């Protein structure tokens, strides 16, 4: 029992000491706040003494009021600092926006220049297209594209806006619409050219030696015979490559009507074409077609030779229209001239 009593006495003693310490702390805190409150209520005088005889201004303020003034002043300084930092950030952003605006303006100027070049190119395209339509005899040749609704003619007649320019997007839209409408006209030109291409294969109009080889060594008409020295009418042209064996081609689609040999012409071929044309190829080394065979323009029919009455390897080429011979040179794509004469 004595031990339990001793523990209870110690517990009571400890509790009293803790309570006493707690009360002392509370008393000290209370005393501190009382002193602070007393000090805060104390007043100080601020005297403003003018350098004249005017009355001295005496301002009394407590420490509480002075602390509030300092707090307000600190808040104002902090606000000004925050505002200055925000202004600096905003100024930086505005500078970046100004640079971006300058780049955008430069790009816009470049786009305007490109649009102007596009409009000029479209104008030249329109003129060229009108001329092409007139030449090929398309259904639009009597009324040029400029008279069509919605094409460049209306575009170039647009009145400028108050700002002195037409909106670039509208310009590009008009040019785009015009080019889309021009597609049909280009298709018409293609159809005309295709039909003309079919006709061109029926008329002798290409160089008679494959690869445009050789040159004209004797022209059509009056010439001096290289063997007899007398003047005579040369009824075709002589094309020379200075060698035998070069491929000879048909100058138009047609039917082979003669594959033969003549003492003067050597080995020769005659092809009958449409529209009254006929061609003859002479002095050949060999023939590659047979009588009655249908040939196409550009097809190899034989090879350059030196047969018959001839002074060297060459091709004698004639074009007949009806019962008369005509000068083949205007019907040939290539017109080479050489002073050499080879019969």
Foldseek 3Di string as FASTA:
>chain_A
DVVVVVVVVVVVVVVVVVVVVVVVVVVVVVVVVVVVVVQQQDKDWDWDDDPDPDDIDIDIDGNVVVVVVVVVVVVVVVVVVVVVVVVVVVVVVVVVVVVVVVVVVVVVVVLVVVLVVLLVVLVVVQVVLLVLCLVLVFPCVVPGLLPDPLACVVVVPDDADPVRHDDSVVSVVSSVVNVVVCVVSVVRSVVSVVVVVLVQQQDQFAQFFPPNAFAWQAFAAWDQDPPPRHIDGQLETKTDNQDKFTFTWDRHKFFWADFDADQAFGTKTKTDGPQQKIKMKTQFPDFDDDHGDTHTHGHGGGMFHHHHPKDGTIITMWMDRHNGTDTCVVRYPDHGYDNHHMD
